[in-house]
Protein backbone atom coordinates (compact mmCIF):
# COMPACT_ATOMS: atom_id res chain seq x y z
CA MET A 1 81.97 84.66 88.93
CA LYS A 2 85.88 83.95 86.89
CA PRO A 3 88.76 82.13 87.97
CA GLY A 4 91.44 84.50 88.77
CA HIS A 5 88.94 87.79 89.41
CA PRO A 6 88.63 88.65 92.70
CA PRO A 7 85.30 89.48 94.31
CA LEU A 8 84.11 92.87 94.20
CA GLN A 9 83.76 93.31 97.70
CA LEU A 10 87.95 91.80 98.05
CA LEU A 11 88.48 95.16 95.30
CA PHE A 12 86.22 97.43 97.61
CA VAL A 13 88.43 96.38 100.93
CA LEU A 14 91.83 96.89 98.89
CA LEU A 15 90.81 100.14 97.56
CA ALA A 16 89.65 101.08 101.15
CA TRP A 17 93.22 100.09 102.35
CA LEU A 18 95.29 101.61 99.78
CA LEU A 19 93.42 104.90 100.26
CA ALA A 20 93.65 104.97 103.86
CA GLY A 21 97.49 104.65 104.16
CA PRO A 22 99.75 102.60 106.18
CA ALA A 23 98.93 101.97 109.34
CA GLY A 24 100.07 104.68 112.29
CA ALA A 25 100.37 107.42 109.23
CA GLU A 26 97.82 109.53 111.11
CA ALA A 27 99.81 108.88 114.66
CA LEU A 28 101.48 112.65 114.36
CA SER A 29 99.45 114.72 116.35
CA GLN A 30 99.26 117.65 118.41
CA GLY A 31 101.66 119.16 120.32
CA ALA A 32 104.42 116.27 119.37
CA PRO A 33 107.65 117.69 117.22
CA ALA A 34 107.17 118.11 113.64
CA PRO A 35 108.75 115.31 111.54
CA GLY A 36 111.93 117.57 109.76
CA PHE A 37 112.43 117.48 105.87
CA ALA A 38 115.02 118.96 103.18
CA LEU A 39 113.38 119.25 100.44
CA PRO A 40 114.24 121.33 97.15
CA ASP A 41 112.44 124.27 96.16
CA ALA A 42 111.65 125.36 92.86
CA ASP A 43 114.74 126.34 92.52
CA GLY A 44 116.59 123.49 93.77
CA LYS A 45 117.53 124.81 97.13
CA THR A 46 117.41 122.56 99.81
CA ARG A 47 115.16 123.93 102.28
CA ARG A 48 114.54 122.24 105.64
CA LEU A 49 112.20 122.49 108.78
CA ALA A 50 114.74 124.43 110.77
CA ASP A 51 115.02 127.12 108.11
CA TRP A 52 111.67 128.69 109.78
CA ARG A 53 112.39 127.75 113.15
CA GLY A 54 111.66 130.44 115.61
CA GLN A 55 108.39 131.74 113.59
CA TRP A 56 105.06 129.98 112.71
CA LEU A 57 104.57 127.52 109.85
CA VAL A 58 101.80 127.27 107.59
CA LEU A 59 103.07 123.42 105.72
CA TYR A 60 100.75 122.69 103.10
CA PHE A 61 100.57 119.78 101.48
CA TYR A 62 98.46 119.65 97.93
CA PRO A 63 97.82 116.52 95.48
CA ARG A 64 98.96 118.71 92.32
CA ASP A 65 100.27 121.67 91.00
CA ASN A 66 98.20 123.36 88.23
CA THR A 67 94.42 121.38 89.28
CA PRO A 68 91.51 123.54 90.03
CA GLY A 69 91.51 122.85 93.38
CA CYS A 70 95.01 123.03 93.94
CA THR A 71 95.35 126.53 91.97
CA THR A 72 92.42 127.24 94.52
CA GLU A 73 94.58 126.99 97.14
CA ALA A 74 97.61 128.35 96.51
CA ALA A 75 96.27 131.19 95.25
CA SER A 76 94.16 132.01 99.41
CA PHE A 77 97.77 131.46 100.49
CA ARG A 78 99.30 134.37 98.10
CA ASP A 79 96.22 136.39 98.69
CA ALA A 80 96.71 136.39 102.34
CA GLN A 81 100.48 136.18 102.36
CA ALA A 82 99.90 140.13 104.20
CA ARG A 83 98.07 138.67 106.92
CA PHE A 84 100.26 135.74 107.76
CA THR A 85 103.32 138.33 107.47
CA ALA A 86 101.44 140.16 109.83
CA LEU A 87 101.53 137.27 112.47
CA GLN A 88 105.19 136.08 111.51
CA ALA A 89 103.82 132.89 109.34
CA SER A 90 105.41 131.82 106.51
CA VAL A 91 103.45 129.57 104.62
CA VAL A 92 105.42 126.47 102.95
CA GLY A 93 103.49 124.10 99.90
CA VAL A 94 104.96 120.83 99.41
CA SER A 95 103.63 118.33 96.48
CA LEU A 96 105.43 115.19 95.05
CA ASP A 97 105.47 117.55 91.69
CA ASP A 98 109.19 118.17 90.56
CA ALA A 99 111.14 121.46 91.03
CA ALA A 100 110.45 122.64 87.07
CA SER A 101 106.51 121.93 87.71
CA HIS A 102 106.76 124.49 91.38
CA ARG A 103 108.64 127.20 89.32
CA GLU A 104 106.07 126.91 86.17
CA PHE A 105 103.35 126.72 89.22
CA ALA A 106 104.49 129.51 91.11
CA ALA A 107 105.07 132.12 88.06
CA GLU A 108 102.30 131.51 86.42
CA HIS A 109 100.16 132.58 90.21
CA ARG A 110 102.57 134.78 91.21
CA LEU A 111 103.13 132.35 94.44
CA PRO A 112 105.57 134.63 96.88
CA PHE A 113 106.41 131.32 99.01
CA ALA A 114 108.24 128.46 98.81
CA LEU A 115 107.34 125.46 96.94
CA LEU A 116 108.88 122.04 97.88
CA SER A 117 109.51 118.79 96.12
CA ASP A 118 109.18 115.51 97.70
CA VAL A 119 108.83 113.38 94.51
CA ASP A 120 109.19 110.12 96.42
CA GLY A 121 106.72 111.01 98.78
CA ALA A 122 108.47 110.45 102.07
CA VAL A 123 107.82 113.78 103.56
CA ALA A 124 103.65 113.30 102.76
CA ALA A 125 104.13 109.76 104.30
CA ARG A 126 106.09 111.42 107.51
CA TYR A 127 103.27 113.49 108.03
CA GLY A 128 100.29 110.88 106.85
CA ALA A 129 99.49 113.14 103.68
CA LEU A 130 100.45 110.25 101.13
CA LEU A 131 98.45 109.02 99.27
CA ASN A 132 99.60 105.36 97.66
CA LEU A 133 98.27 104.06 94.81
CA GLY A 134 100.78 101.35 93.74
CA VAL A 135 101.50 102.83 90.15
CA MET A 136 100.75 106.60 91.81
CA LYS A 137 101.32 108.83 94.62
CA PHE A 138 100.00 111.98 95.66
CA ALA A 139 100.14 114.05 98.31
CA LYS A 140 96.70 114.09 100.42
CA ARG A 141 95.31 118.25 100.69
CA HIS A 142 96.35 118.23 104.69
CA SER A 143 97.89 121.17 106.77
CA PHE A 144 100.10 121.36 109.49
CA LEU A 145 100.65 124.43 111.64
CA ILE A 146 103.62 124.45 112.95
CA ASP A 147 104.60 126.57 116.29
CA PRO A 148 108.35 128.46 116.57
CA ASN A 149 109.71 125.87 118.80
CA GLY A 150 109.10 123.12 115.63
CA ARG A 151 105.90 121.45 117.11
CA VAL A 152 102.43 120.60 115.81
CA ALA A 153 99.74 123.22 116.91
CA LYS A 154 96.74 121.98 114.60
CA ILE A 155 96.46 119.24 111.77
CA TYR A 156 93.96 120.02 109.04
CA ARG A 157 92.88 116.97 107.67
CA GLN A 158 89.87 118.02 106.03
CA VAL A 159 90.32 120.62 103.85
CA GLU A 160 88.00 122.78 101.61
CA PRO A 161 90.44 125.20 99.03
CA ALA A 162 88.47 127.75 98.54
CA SER A 163 88.26 128.69 102.85
CA HIS A 164 91.21 126.68 104.56
CA VAL A 165 93.16 129.63 104.72
CA GLU A 166 90.60 131.51 106.67
CA GLU A 167 90.65 128.68 109.04
CA ILE A 168 94.31 128.61 109.64
CA LEU A 169 94.83 132.44 110.02
CA ALA A 170 91.90 132.28 112.77
CA ASP A 171 93.46 129.81 114.02
CA LEU A 172 96.64 130.95 113.73
CA LYS A 173 95.25 134.23 115.79
CA GLN A 174 94.16 132.34 118.58
CA LEU A 175 97.28 129.98 119.07
CA ARG A 176 99.59 133.11 119.08
CA ARG A 177 97.86 134.75 122.33
């Protein structure tokens, strides 16, 4: 091994630490108050968690606009919009993309719900949904079902884009009983 080159094992440890995110990021738990936010939507209007007080909210974080998994997930939420509305629930997507990117993504895929820009990743970090690789940051594909009182009713850390919506709808029906 050449001087100045860390052992391969050290690189794996460092990569695992970076992927895990900051200590305590996973501390958000069911029943806890949902972390507040004030983020711009695709039109530049500031949206706050309090805007959805009194109704159920699906807050879903996703890595990037117009990538295959993110497009699949967004289209699934779009196609189930009437079912969410019938359950008095709103859907909101959050990524680190800017408002212009969200505007194009929403228009191209006819998304009827708000997409919020968390460009510095601060809100994603508070939800334990930030992947920070130092030179690049992405939102992790995590979702949160927030009850009408602003409390976290359900956390989804393992999300499969194609089937996630059905999982949330089933949980929402159960929780509303």
